[in-house]
Amino acid sequence: MNEERPLNETSQECKGSHLEAMDVAVIGAGPAGLTAGLYAARAGLDVVVFERISPGGQLAQTEHMENYPGFPEGADGFELAFSMKQQADRFGVRHVGEEVVSVDFAQEPKVLTTAFGEYRAKSVIVATGARPRKLGLELEDELQGRGVSYCATCDGNFFRDKEVMVVGGGNTAVGDAIYLSRICKKVYLVHRRDKLRATAIYHKRLEDLENLEFVWSAAPRKLMADEGALAGVRVEMLKTGEIRDIPVSGLFVAVGTEPNTEFLKGALQLDETGYVVADESGATDVPGVYVAGDVRTKFLRQVVTAVADGAVCAEEASEYLAI
């Protein structure tokens, strides 16, 4: 049977046990979670943020952001994420480096379970974000870390002066292609349509890249390996059915995201794609439980909308606790 245990602090020392229920438990330490923690702590609430890896979420893996307000020359994603954490810490947010694997929102206080024990909270803000969607090809899992990657800024340097491929047509794919063009010999940008979905400002930049080749109306069909590493990608030209084998050492997949909601296991209402259903206030179908950031059903998933969600959810939680 799991037992409640003292908080395992990563940012601040925690002395003694913490058997009383915390005011607000924030699950996830990306921009939404850190902002929620900041606003809730400034409201005088006892706030604990749970994060299984390191704070920052996908933002911390972003090399350069041009559309976050207040940074005329753009912002480094890792530095911005670290600054958000420092700001939250300044107001007393505490951190637990444990992954929440299940929840019980039917109990009061609500129960959060990690691999190390149980924690109780009067209110909860779910801000677990989303993860990159995979292509679903044979050998994809086996070749991850051996040529297949979902983060160009994390792994791009391993392919310096080599030929690589980026799959996708949105802002992430285009940003990856621009980044990789600076360090790689050649970049193939494969997109299943004949035009990009990315913001127009990126298009001119791509056209100016001499080592970039567009592969329009195409989709990867097979990964080819040699001695346990990626050696190439077989691509189908969707309009003609032609098959083209492109030799590359690296494949960077940027075809969207999937929500991190498996741990909820029926605790909250999800839509058909797995995102948590909530209104603009972040309120879910369970009183006292809110959802912020990319994990929520919404039209636009950006850092600026994530931090807005976090602020709103914190205010909603504060109002709920005051009742």
C-alpha atoms as a PDB file:
ATOM      1  CA  MET A   1       0.000   0.000   0.000  1.00  0.00           C
ATOM      2  CA  ASN A   2       1.371   3.412  -0.938  1.00  0.00           C
ATOM      3  CA  GLU A   3       2.114   5.853   1.849  1.00  0.00           C
ATOM      4  CA  GLU A   4       2.187   9.618   1.863  1.00  0.00           C
ATOM      5  CA  ARG A   5       5.736  10.838   1.987  1.00  0.00           C
ATOM      6  CA  PRO A   6       7.695  14.073   2.413  1.00  0.00           C
ATOM      7  CA  LEU A   7       8.149  16.180  -0.685  1.00  0.00           C
ATOM      8  CA  ASN A   8      11.340  15.417  -2.585  1.00  0.00           C
ATOM      9  CA  GLU A   9      12.415  18.968  -3.363  1.00  0.00           C
ATOM     10  CA  THR A  10      14.558  19.742  -6.380  1.00  0.00           C
ATOM     11  CA  SER A  11      14.621  23.533  -6.140  1.00  0.00           C
ATOM     12  CA  GLN A  12      14.135  24.259  -2.463  1.00  0.00           C
ATOM     13  CA  GLU A  13      14.937  22.329   0.692  1.00  0.00           C
ATOM     14  CA  CYS A  14      11.923  20.752   2.371  1.00  0.00           C
ATOM     15  CA  LYS A  15      12.317  20.047   6.061  1.00  0.00           C
ATOM     16  CA  GLY A  16      10.136  17.493   7.795  1.00  0.00           C
ATOM     17  CA  SER A  17       7.078  15.660   6.554  1.00  0.00           C
ATOM     18  CA  HIS A  18       4.352  17.062   4.421  1.00  0.00           C
ATOM     19  CA  LEU A  19       1.336  15.004   5.400  1.00  0.00           C
ATOM     20  CA  GLU A  20      -1.166  17.853   5.095  1.00  0.00           C
ATOM     21  CA  ALA A  21      -2.833  18.335   1.726  1.00  0.00           C
ATOM     22  CA  MET A  22      -1.216  21.030  -0.396  1.00  0.00           C
ATOM     23  CA  ASP A  23      -3.416  23.813  -1.756  1.00  0.00           C
ATOM     24  CA  VAL A  24      -2.477  23.379  -5.407  1.00  0.00           C
ATOM     25  CA  ALA A  25      -0.716  20.521  -7.148  1.00  0.00           C
ATOM     26  CA  VAL A  26       0.519  21.385 -10.626  1.00  0.00           C
ATOM     27  CA  ILE A  27       1.306  18.375 -12.810  1.00  0.00           C
ATOM     28  CA  GLY A  28       3.884  19.419 -15.386  1.00  0.00           C
ATOM     29  CA  ALA A  29       6.561  22.116 -15.402  1.00  0.00           C
ATOM     30  CA  GLY A  30       6.354  23.550 -18.884  1.00  0.00           C
ATOM     31  CA  PRO A  31       5.364  27.184 -19.502  1.00  0.00           C
ATOM     32  CA  ALA A  32       1.745  26.497 -18.464  1.00  0.00           C
ATOM     33  CA  GLY A  33       2.688  24.685 -15.269  1.00  0.00           C
ATOM     34  CA  LEU A  34       5.374  27.158 -14.202  1.00  0.00           C
ATOM     35  CA  THR A  35       3.052  30.114 -14.817  1.00  0.00           C
ATOM     36  CA  ALA A  36       0.263  28.405 -12.877  1.00  0.00           C
ATOM     37  CA  GLY A  37       2.672  27.819 -10.022  1.00  0.00           C
ATOM     38  CA  LEU A  38       3.866  31.428 -10.101  1.00  0.00           C
ATOM     39  CA  TYR A  39       0.362  32.913 -10.014  1.00  0.00           C
ATOM     40  CA  ALA A  40      -0.906  30.515  -7.367  1.00  0.00           C
ATOM     41  CA  ALA A  41       2.110  31.106  -5.123  1.00  0.00           C
ATOM     42  CA  ARG A  42       1.741  34.881  -5.472  1.00  0.00           C
ATOM     43  CA  ALA A  43      -1.849  34.436  -4.288  1.00  0.00           C
ATOM     44  CA  GLY A  44      -0.471  33.008  -1.050  1.00  0.00           C
ATOM     45  CA  LEU A  45      -1.233  29.368  -1.792  1.00  0.00           C
ATOM     46  CA  ASP A  46       0.906  26.333  -0.974  1.00  0.00           C
ATOM     47  CA  VAL A  47       1.986  25.145  -4.438  1.00  0.00           C
ATOM     48  CA  VAL A  48       3.889  22.057  -5.530  1.00  0.00           C
ATOM     49  CA  VAL A  49       4.884  21.377  -9.141  1.00  0.00           C
ATOM     50  CA  PHE A  50       5.442  17.779 -10.246  1.00  0.00           C
ATOM     51  CA  GLU A  51       7.743  17.133 -13.212  1.00  0.00           C
ATOM     52  CA  ARG A  52       9.234  13.780 -14.213  1.00  0.00           C
ATOM     53  CA  ILE A  53      12.245  15.145 -16.083  1.00  0.00           C
ATOM     54  CA  SER A  54      13.445  18.747 -16.070  1.00  0.00           C
ATOM     55  CA  PRO A  55      11.405  21.967 -16.072  1.00  0.00           C
ATOM     56  CA  GLY A  56      10.602  23.718 -19.325  1.00  0.00           C
ATOM     57  CA  GLY A  57       8.837  21.054 -21.359  1.00  0.00           C
ATOM     58  CA  GLN A  58       9.085  21.456 -25.140  1.00  0.00           C
ATOM     59  CA  LEU A  59      10.080  25.111 -24.664  1.00  0.00           C
ATOM     60  CA  ALA A  60      13.410  24.051 -23.160  1.00  0.00           C
ATOM     61  CA  GLN A  61      14.144  22.134 -26.382  1.00  0.00           C
ATOM     62  CA  THR A  62      13.433  25.107 -28.641  1.00  0.00           C
ATOM     63  CA  GLU A  63      16.537  26.838 -29.957  1.00  0.00           C
ATOM     64  CA  HIS A  64      14.998  30.152 -30.951  1.00  0.00           C
ATOM     65  CA  MET A  65      11.565  31.728 -30.498  1.00  0.00           C
ATOM     66  CA  GLU A  66      10.586  34.743 -32.539  1.00  0.00           C
ATOM     67  CA  ASN A  67       6.935  35.189 -31.571  1.00  0.00           C
ATOM     68  CA  TYR A  68       7.049  35.430 -27.776  1.00  0.00           C
ATOM     69  CA  PRO A  69       6.193  39.036 -26.797  1.00  0.00           C
ATOM     70  CA  GLY A  70       8.866  41.206 -25.243  1.00  0.00           C
ATOM     71  CA  PHE A  71      11.870  39.832 -27.120  1.00  0.00           C
ATOM     72  CA  PRO A  72      12.453  41.902 -30.295  1.00  0.00           C
ATOM     73  CA  GLU A  73      15.384  39.722 -31.389  1.00  0.00           C
ATOM     74  CA  GLY A  74      13.773  36.474 -30.324  1.00  0.00           C
ATOM     75  CA  ALA A  75      14.434  34.341 -27.260  1.00  0.00           C
ATOM     76  CA  ASP A  76      16.375  31.182 -26.501  1.00  0.00           C
ATOM     77  CA  GLY A  77      13.825  28.562 -25.410  1.00  0.00           C
ATOM     78  CA  PHE A  78      15.980  26.979 -22.715  1.00  0.00           C
ATOM     79  CA  GLU A  79      16.910  30.321 -21.177  1.00  0.00           C
ATOM     80  CA  LEU A  80      13.285  31.480 -21.206  1.00  0.00           C
ATOM     81  CA  ALA A  81      12.141  28.259 -19.536  1.00  0.00           C
ATOM     82  CA  PHE A  82      14.862  28.541 -16.885  1.00  0.00           C
ATOM     83  CA  SER A  83      13.862  32.142 -16.180  1.00  0.00           C
ATOM     84  CA  MET A  84      10.229  31.049 -15.730  1.00  0.00           C
ATOM     85  CA  LYS A  85      11.323  28.451 -13.188  1.00  0.00           C
ATOM     86  CA  GLN A  86      13.496  30.941 -11.294  1.00  0.00           C
ATOM     87  CA  GLN A  87      10.601  33.387 -11.130  1.00  0.00           C
ATOM     88  CA  ALA A  88       8.228  30.719  -9.814  1.00  0.00           C
ATOM     89  CA  ASP A  89      10.816  29.615  -7.238  1.00  0.00           C
ATOM     90  CA  ARG A  90      11.208  33.189  -6.025  1.00  0.00           C
ATOM     91  CA  PHE A  91       7.587  33.190  -4.870  1.00  0.00           C
ATOM     92  CA  GLY A  92       7.853  29.880  -3.053  1.00  0.00           C
ATOM     93  CA  VAL A  93       6.845  27.246  -5.607  1.00  0.00           C
ATOM     94  CA  ARG A  94       8.218  23.858  -4.604  1.00  0.00           C
ATOM     95  CA  HIS A  95       9.212  21.111  -7.025  1.00  0.00           C
ATOM     96  CA  VAL A  96       8.985  17.345  -6.884  1.00  0.00           C
ATOM     97  CA  GLY A  97      11.037  15.423  -9.430  1.00  0.00           C
ATOM     98  CA  GLU A  98       8.587  12.551  -9.725  1.00  0.00           C
ATOM     99  CA  GLU A  99       6.186  11.483 -12.467  1.00  0.00           C
ATOM    100  CA  VAL A 100       2.514  11.333 -11.549  1.00  0.00           C
ATOM    101  CA  VAL A 101       1.411   7.904 -12.801  1.00  0.00           C
ATOM    102  CA  SER A 102      -2.224   7.954 -11.660  1.00  0.00           C
ATOM    103  CA  VAL A 103      -4.779  10.200  -9.977  1.00  0.00           C
ATOM    104  CA  ASP A 104      -7.960   9.824  -7.949  1.00  0.00           C
ATOM    105  CA  PHE A 105     -10.057  12.941  -8.246  1.00  0.00           C
ATOM    106  CA  ALA A 106     -13.104  11.322  -6.631  1.00  0.00           C
ATOM    107  CA  GLN A 107     -11.486  11.635  -3.213  1.00  0.00           C
ATOM    108  CA  GLU A 108     -11.230  14.828  -1.199  1.00  0.00           C
ATOM    109  CA  PRO A 109      -8.488  15.909  -0.950  1.00  0.00           C
ATOM    110  CA  LYS A 110      -7.534  14.641  -4.394  1.00  0.00           C
ATOM    111  CA  VAL A 111      -4.857  11.948  -4.627  1.00  0.00           C
ATOM    112  CA  LEU A 112      -1.795  11.974  -6.883  1.00  0.00           C
ATOM    113  CA  THR A 113       0.273   8.797  -7.067  1.00  0.00           C
ATOM    114  CA  THR A 114       3.913   8.586  -8.177  1.00  0.00           C
ATOM    115  CA  ALA A 115       6.291   5.626  -8.188  1.00  0.00           C
ATOM    116  CA  PHE A 116       7.364   6.685  -4.688  1.00  0.00           C
ATOM    117  CA  GLY A 117       4.048   7.232  -2.930  1.00  0.00           C
ATOM    118  CA  GLU A 118       0.924   9.348  -2.673  1.00  0.00           C
ATOM    119  CA  TYR A 119       0.368  13.074  -2.365  1.00  0.00           C
ATOM    120  CA  ARG A 120      -2.862  14.897  -1.572  1.00  0.00           C
ATOM    121  CA  ALA A 121      -4.042  18.218  -2.929  1.00  0.00           C
ATOM    122  CA  LYS A 122      -7.111  20.415  -2.464  1.00  0.00           C
ATOM    123  CA  SER A 123      -6.967  21.465  -6.123  1.00  0.00           C
ATOM    124  CA  VAL A 124      -5.046  20.264  -9.172  1.00  0.00           C
ATOM    125  CA  ILE A 125      -3.856  21.915 -12.380  1.00  0.00           C
ATOM    126  CA  VAL A 126      -2.965  19.458 -15.153  1.00  0.00           C
ATOM    127  CA  ALA A 127      -0.281  20.935 -17.423  1.00  0.00           C
ATOM    128  CA  THR A 128       1.433  17.851 -18.813  1.00  0.00           C
ATOM    129  CA  GLY A 129       1.668  19.149 -22.380  1.00  0.00           C
ATOM    130  CA  ALA A 130       2.133  16.962 -25.416  1.00  0.00           C
ATOM    131  CA  ARG A 131       4.837  14.844 -27.012  1.00  0.00           C
ATOM    132  CA  PRO A 132       5.937  14.554 -30.647  1.00  0.00           C
ATOM    133  CA  ARG A 133       3.802  12.261 -32.801  1.00  0.00           C
ATOM    134  CA  LYS A 134       5.618   9.381 -34.471  1.00  0.00           C
ATOM    135  CA  LEU A 135       5.342   8.303 -38.100  1.00  0.00           C
ATOM    136  CA  GLY A 136       4.357   4.754 -37.169  1.00  0.00           C
ATOM    137  CA  LEU A 137       6.905   3.114 -39.463  1.00  0.00           C
ATOM    138  CA  GLU A 138       8.667  -0.191 -38.946  1.00  0.00           C
ATOM    139  CA  LEU A 139      12.062   0.236 -37.232  1.00  0.00           C
ATOM    140  CA  GLU A 140      11.116   3.732 -36.006  1.00  0.00           C
ATOM    141  CA  ASP A 141      11.455   2.826 -32.335  1.00  0.00           C
ATOM    142  CA  GLU A 142      14.582   0.748 -32.889  1.00  0.00           C
ATOM    143  CA  LEU A 143      16.287   3.587 -34.752  1.00  0.00           C
ATOM    144  CA  GLN A 144      15.351   6.326 -32.296  1.00  0.00           C
ATOM    145  CA  GLY A 145      18.667   7.700 -31.096  1.00  0.00           C
ATOM    146  CA  ARG A 146      20.377   5.981 -34.018  1.00  0.00           C
ATOM    147  CA  GLY A 147      19.331   8.371 -36.718  1.00  0.00           C
ATOM    148  CA  VAL A 148      15.670   9.008 -35.902  1.00  0.00           C
ATOM    149  CA  SER A 149      14.960  12.062 -33.748  1.00  0.00           C
ATOM    150  CA  TYR A 150      12.029  14.230 -32.691  1.00  0.00           C
ATOM    151  CA  CYS A 151      14.127  17.197 -31.545  1.00  0.00           C
ATOM    152  CA  ALA A 152      16.465  18.905 -34.007  1.00  0.00           C
ATOM    153  CA  THR A 153      17.995  21.247 -31.451  1.00  0.00           C
ATOM    154  CA  CYS A 154      18.702  18.312 -29.129  1.00  0.00           C
ATOM    155  CA  ASP A 155      20.284  15.970 -31.666  1.00  0.00           C
ATOM    156  CA  GLY A 156      21.165  18.048 -34.711  1.00  0.00           C
ATOM    157  CA  ASN A 157      24.814  18.445 -33.814  1.00  0.00           C
ATOM    158  CA  PHE A 158      25.324  14.678 -34.123  1.00  0.00           C
ATOM    159  CA  PHE A 159      24.683  15.071 -37.851  1.00  0.00           C
ATOM    160  CA  ARG A 160      27.006  17.952 -38.567  1.00  0.00           C
ATOM    161  CA  ASP A 161      28.173  17.948 -42.205  1.00  0.00           C
ATOM    162  CA  LYS A 162      25.842  15.032 -43.034  1.00  0.00           C
ATOM    163  CA  GLU A 163      22.669  14.757 -45.093  1.00  0.00           C
ATOM    164  CA  VAL A 164      19.390  14.720 -43.147  1.00  0.00           C
ATOM    165  CA  MET A 165      15.638  14.780 -43.676  1.00  0.00           C
ATOM    166  CA  VAL A 166      12.884  16.727 -41.919  1.00  0.00           C
ATOM    167  CA  VAL A 167       9.296  15.484 -42.223  1.00  0.00           C
ATOM    168  CA  GLY A 168       6.454  17.967 -41.684  1.00  0.00           C
ATOM    169  CA  GLY A 169       5.082  21.250 -42.954  1.00  0.00           C
ATOM    170  CA  GLY A 170       4.331  23.328 -39.881  1.00  0.00           C
ATOM    171  CA  ASN A 171       6.351  25.862 -37.909  1.00  0.00           C
ATOM    172  CA  THR A 172       8.269  23.198 -35.996  1.00  0.00           C
ATOM    173  CA  ALA A 173       9.347  21.382 -39.159  1.00  0.00           C
ATOM    174  CA  VAL A 174      10.397  24.610 -40.852  1.00  0.00           C
ATOM    175  CA  GLY A 175      12.283  25.785 -37.776  1.00  0.00           C
ATOM    176  CA  ASP A 176      14.072  22.434 -37.654  1.00  0.00           C
ATOM    177  CA  ALA A 177      14.999  22.682 -41.335  1.00  0.00           C
ATOM    178  CA  ILE A 178      16.422  26.188 -40.908  1.00  0.00           C
ATOM    179  CA  TYR A 179      18.420  25.139 -37.860  1.00  0.00           C
ATOM    180  CA  LEU A 180      19.770  21.992 -39.498  1.00  0.00           C
ATOM    181  CA  SER A 181      20.713  23.851 -42.690  1.00  0.00           C
ATOM    182  CA  ARG A 182      23.339  25.736 -40.700  1.00  0.00           C
ATOM    183  CA  ILE A 183      25.194  22.621 -39.609  1.00  0.00           C
ATOM    184  CA  CYS A 184      24.300  19.867 -42.075  1.00  0.00           C
ATOM    185  CA  LYS A 185      25.572  19.279 -45.591  1.00  0.00           C
ATOM    186  CA  LYS A 186      22.064  18.968 -47.025  1.00  0.00           C
ATOM    187  CA  VAL A 187      18.499  19.016 -45.713  1.00  0.00           C
ATOM    188  CA  TYR A 188      15.496  17.387 -47.402  1.00  0.00           C
ATOM    189  CA  LEU A 189      12.160  18.825 -46.294  1.00  0.00           C
ATOM    190  CA  VAL A 190       9.402  16.268 -46.950  1.00  0.00           C
ATOM    191  CA  HIS A 191       5.778  17.349 -46.770  1.00  0.00           C
ATOM    192  CA  ARG A 192       2.647  15.451 -47.798  1.00  0.00           C
ATOM    193  CA  ARG A 193       1.085  18.566 -49.348  1.00  0.00           C
ATOM    194  CA  ASP A 194       2.306  20.888 -52.099  1.00  0.00           C
ATOM    195  CA  LYS A 195       2.605  23.898 -49.812  1.00  0.00           C
ATOM    196  CA  LEU A 196       3.631  24.494 -46.210  1.00  0.00           C
ATOM    197  CA  ARG A 197       1.321  25.098 -43.277  1.00  0.00           C
ATOM    198  CA  ALA A 198       4.018  27.147 -41.563  1.00  0.00           C
ATOM    199  CA  THR A 199       3.671  30.883 -40.957  1.00  0.00           C
ATOM    200  CA  ALA A 200       4.412  32.896 -44.093  1.00  0.00           C
ATOM    201  CA  ILE A 201       7.461  34.622 -42.596  1.00  0.00           C
ATOM    202  CA  TYR A 202       9.353  31.338 -42.737  1.00  0.00           C
ATOM    203  CA  HIS A 203       8.801  30.712 -46.444  1.00  0.00           C
ATOM    204  CA  LYS A 204      11.286  33.286 -47.729  1.00  0.00           C
ATOM    205  CA  ARG A 205      13.964  32.007 -45.376  1.00  0.00           C
ATOM    206  CA  LEU A 206      13.594  28.491 -46.735  1.00  0.00           C
ATOM    207  CA  GLU A 207      13.859  29.685 -50.327  1.00  0.00           C
ATOM    208  CA  ASP A 208      17.187  31.327 -49.516  1.00  0.00           C
ATOM    209  CA  LEU A 209      18.741  28.107 -48.189  1.00  0.00           C
ATOM    210  CA  GLU A 210      21.020  26.684 -50.857  1.00  0.00           C
ATOM    211  CA  ASN A 211      21.413  23.313 -49.145  1.00  0.00           C
ATOM    212  CA  LEU A 212      17.670  22.691 -48.732  1.00  0.00           C
ATOM    213  CA  GLU A 213      15.632  20.528 -51.115  1.00  0.00           C
ATOM    214  CA  PHE A 214      11.831  20.472 -50.956  1.00  0.00           C
ATOM    215  CA  VAL A 215      10.185  17.102 -51.499  1.00  0.00           C
ATOM    216  CA  TRP A 216       6.542  18.062 -52.040  1.00  0.00           C
ATOM    217  CA  SER A 217       3.469  15.822 -51.951  1.00  0.00           C
ATOM    218  CA  ALA A 218       5.440  12.962 -50.466  1.00  0.00           C
ATOM    219  CA  ALA A 219       5.316  10.674 -47.448  1.00  0.00           C
ATOM    220  CA  PRO A 220       7.923   8.404 -45.812  1.00  0.00           C
ATOM    221  CA  ARG A 221       7.054   4.725 -46.246  1.00  0.00           C
ATOM    222  CA  LYS A 222      10.106   2.827 -45.040  1.00  0.00           C
ATOM    223  CA  LEU A 223      13.200   3.388 -42.936  1.00  0.00           C
ATOM    224  CA  MET A 224      16.370   1.769 -44.217  1.00  0.00           C
ATOM    225  CA  ALA A 225      19.092   0.763 -41.776  1.00  0.00           C
ATOM    226  CA  ASP A 226      22.708  -0.279 -42.022  1.00  0.00           C
ATOM    227  CA  GLU A 227      24.516  -1.833 -39.058  1.00  0.00           C
ATOM    228  CA  GLY A 228      21.826  -0.661 -36.643  1.00  0.00           C
ATOM    229  CA  ALA A 229      21.763   2.970 -37.795  1.00  0.00           C
ATOM    230  CA  LEU A 230      19.554   4.903 -40.199  1.00  0.00           C
ATOM    231  CA  ALA A 231      20.879   4.804 -43.751  1.00  0.00           C
ATOM    232  CA  GLY A 232      17.998   6.254 -45.721  1.00  0.00           C
ATOM    233  CA  VAL A 233      14.270   6.829 -46.088  1.00  0.00           C
ATOM    234  CA  ARG A 234      11.993   5.433 -48.779  1.00  0.00           C
ATOM    235  CA  VAL A 235       9.512   8.113 -49.822  1.00  0.00           C
ATOM    236  CA  GLU A 236       6.356   7.760 -51.897  1.00  0.00           C
ATOM    237  CA  MET A 237       5.416  10.608 -54.221  1.00  0.00           C
ATOM    238  CA  LEU A 238       1.704  10.821 -53.504  1.00  0.00           C
ATOM    239  CA  LYS A 239       0.572  12.287 -56.828  1.00  0.00           C
ATOM    240  CA  THR A 240       2.404   9.811 -59.050  1.00  0.00           C
ATOM    241  CA  GLY A 241       3.011   6.791 -56.836  1.00  0.00           C
ATOM    242  CA  GLU A 242       6.726   6.989 -57.650  1.00  0.00           C
ATOM    243  CA  ILE A 243       9.060   5.582 -55.004  1.00  0.00           C
ATOM    244  CA  ARG A 244      12.244   7.445 -54.166  1.00  0.00           C
ATOM    245  CA  ASP A 245      14.997   6.230 -51.854  1.00  0.00           C
ATOM    246  CA  ILE A 246      16.801   9.154 -50.208  1.00  0.00           C
ATOM    247  CA  PRO A 247      20.076   8.350 -48.405  1.00  0.00           C
ATOM    248  CA  VAL A 248      20.241  10.295 -45.136  1.00  0.00           C
ATOM    249  CA  SER A 249      21.946   9.785 -41.789  1.00  0.00           C
ATOM    250  CA  GLY A 250      19.313  11.640 -39.784  1.00  0.00           C
ATOM    251  CA  LEU A 251      15.526  11.824 -39.847  1.00  0.00           C
ATOM    252  CA  PHE A 252      13.819  14.568 -37.851  1.00  0.00           C
ATOM    253  CA  VAL A 253      10.091  14.015 -37.396  1.00  0.00           C
ATOM    254  CA  ALA A 254       7.858  17.073 -36.862  1.00  0.00           C
ATOM    255  CA  VAL A 255       4.330  15.948 -37.707  1.00  0.00           C
ATOM    256  CA  GLY A 256       2.403  17.179 -34.702  1.00  0.00           C
ATOM    257  CA  THR A 257       1.927  16.128 -31.117  1.00  0.00           C
ATOM    258  CA  GLU A 258      -0.014  13.750 -28.884  1.00  0.00           C
ATOM    259  CA  PRO A 259      -1.240  14.718 -25.397  1.00  0.00           C
ATOM    260  CA  ASN A 260       0.335  13.295 -22.252  1.00  0.00           C
ATOM    261  CA  THR A 261      -2.915  12.113 -20.690  1.00  0.00           C
ATOM    262  CA  GLU A 262      -2.473   8.352 -20.240  1.00  0.00           C
ATOM    263  CA  PHE A 263      -2.074   8.723 -16.473  1.00  0.00           C
ATOM    264  CA  LEU A 264      -5.561  10.211 -16.132  1.00  0.00           C
ATOM    265  CA  LYS A 265      -7.240   6.863 -16.955  1.00  0.00           C
ATOM    266  CA  GLY A 266     -10.838   8.084 -17.058  1.00  0.00           C
ATOM    267  CA  ALA A 267     -10.402  10.660 -14.300  1.00  0.00           C
ATOM    268  CA  LEU A 268     -11.234  13.524 -16.691  1.00  0.00           C
ATOM    269  CA  GLN A 269     -13.226  13.891 -19.889  1.00  0.00           C
ATOM    270  CA  LEU A 270     -11.017  13.609 -22.982  1.00  0.00           C
ATOM    271  CA  ASP A 271     -11.847  14.375 -26.595  1.00  0.00           C
ATOM    272  CA  GLU A 272     -11.492  11.839 -29.416  1.00  0.00           C
ATOM    273  CA  THR A 273      -7.785  12.627 -29.804  1.00  0.00           C
ATOM    274  CA  GLY A 274      -6.976  12.363 -26.109  1.00  0.00           C
ATOM    275  CA  TYR A 275      -6.821  16.046 -25.137  1.00  0.00           C
ATOM    276  CA  VAL A 276      -8.545  17.145 -21.923  1.00  0.00           C
ATOM    277  CA  VAL A 277     -11.901  18.816 -22.486  1.00  0.00           C
ATOM    278  CA  ALA A 278     -12.105  22.187 -20.741  1.00  0.00           C
ATOM    279  CA  ASP A 279     -13.512  25.660 -21.299  1.00  0.00           C
ATOM    280  CA  GLU A 280     -11.476  28.869 -21.609  1.00  0.00           C
ATOM    281  CA  SER A 281     -11.209  29.093 -17.828  1.00  0.00           C
ATOM    282  CA  GLY A 282      -9.460  25.734 -17.770  1.00  0.00           C
ATOM    283  CA  ALA A 283     -12.251  24.149 -15.735  1.00  0.00           C
ATOM    284  CA  THR A 284     -12.739  20.428 -16.330  1.00  0.00           C
ATOM    285  CA  ASP A 285     -15.728  18.222 -15.516  1.00  0.00           C
ATOM    286  CA  VAL A 286     -14.320  17.710 -11.996  1.00  0.00           C
ATOM    287  CA  PRO A 287     -14.636  20.602  -9.508  1.00  0.00           C
ATOM    288  CA  GLY A 288     -11.252  21.825  -8.352  1.00  0.00           C
ATOM    289  CA  VAL A 289      -9.362  20.302 -11.290  1.00  0.00           C
ATOM    290  CA  TYR A 290      -8.138  22.543 -14.115  1.00  0.00           C
ATOM    291  CA  VAL A 291      -6.110  22.040 -17.274  1.00  0.00           C
ATOM    292  CA  ALA A 292      -3.632  24.404 -18.901  1.00  0.00           C
ATOM    293  CA  GLY A 293      -1.425  24.474 -21.979  1.00  0.00           C
ATOM    294  CA  ASP A 294      -1.007  22.099 -24.888  1.00  0.00           C
ATOM    295  CA  VAL A 295      -2.815  19.226 -23.155  1.00  0.00           C
ATOM    296  CA  ARG A 296      -6.127  21.140 -23.326  1.00  0.00           C
ATOM    297  CA  THR A 297      -8.577  21.132 -26.210  1.00  0.00           C
ATOM    298  CA  LYS A 298      -7.847  24.413 -27.978  1.00  0.00           C
ATOM    299  CA  PHE A 299      -7.355  26.028 -31.358  1.00  0.00           C
ATOM    300  CA  LEU A 300      -3.837  27.413 -30.917  1.00  0.00           C
ATOM    301  CA  ARG A 301      -1.025  25.683 -29.021  1.00  0.00           C
ATOM    302  CA  GLN A 302       1.796  28.155 -28.450  1.00  0.00           C
ATOM    303  CA  VAL A 303       3.944  29.207 -25.483  1.00  0.00           C
ATOM    304  CA  VAL A 304       2.004  32.464 -25.188  1.00  0.00           C
ATOM    305  CA  THR A 305      -1.332  30.608 -24.960  1.00  0.00           C
ATOM    306  CA  ALA A 306       0.151  28.135 -22.488  1.00  0.00           C
ATOM    307  CA  VAL A 307       1.251  30.835 -20.051  1.00  0.00           C
ATOM    308  CA  ALA A 308      -2.142  32.517 -20.388  1.00  0.00           C
ATOM    309  CA  ASP A 309      -3.831  29.214 -19.538  1.00  0.00           C
ATOM    310  CA  GLY A 310      -1.580  28.791 -16.510  1.00  0.00           C
ATOM    311  CA  ALA A 311      -2.442  32.219 -15.144  1.00  0.00           C
ATOM    312  CA  VAL A 312      -6.182  31.709 -15.629  1.00  0.00           C
ATOM    313  CA  CYS A 313      -6.150  28.261 -14.027  1.00  0.00           C
ATOM    314  CA  ALA A 314      -4.272  29.556 -10.993  1.00  0.00           C
ATOM    315  CA  GLU A 315      -6.851  32.284 -10.491  1.00  0.00           C
ATOM    316  CA  GLU A 316      -9.668  29.755 -10.891  1.00  0.00           C
ATOM    317  CA  ALA A 317      -8.042  27.435  -8.339  1.00  0.00           C
ATOM    318  CA  SER A 318      -7.640  30.332  -5.925  1.00  0.00           C
ATOM    319  CA  GLU A 319     -11.338  31.181  -6.254  1.00  0.00           C
ATOM    320  CA  TYR A 320     -12.281  27.529  -5.779  1.00  0.00           C
ATOM    321  CA  LEU A 321     -10.232  27.243  -2.578  1.00  0.00           C
ATOM    322  CA  ALA A 322     -11.775  30.439  -1.214  1.00  0.00           C
ATOM    323  CA  ILE A 323     -15.313  29.040  -1.366  1.00  0.00           C
END
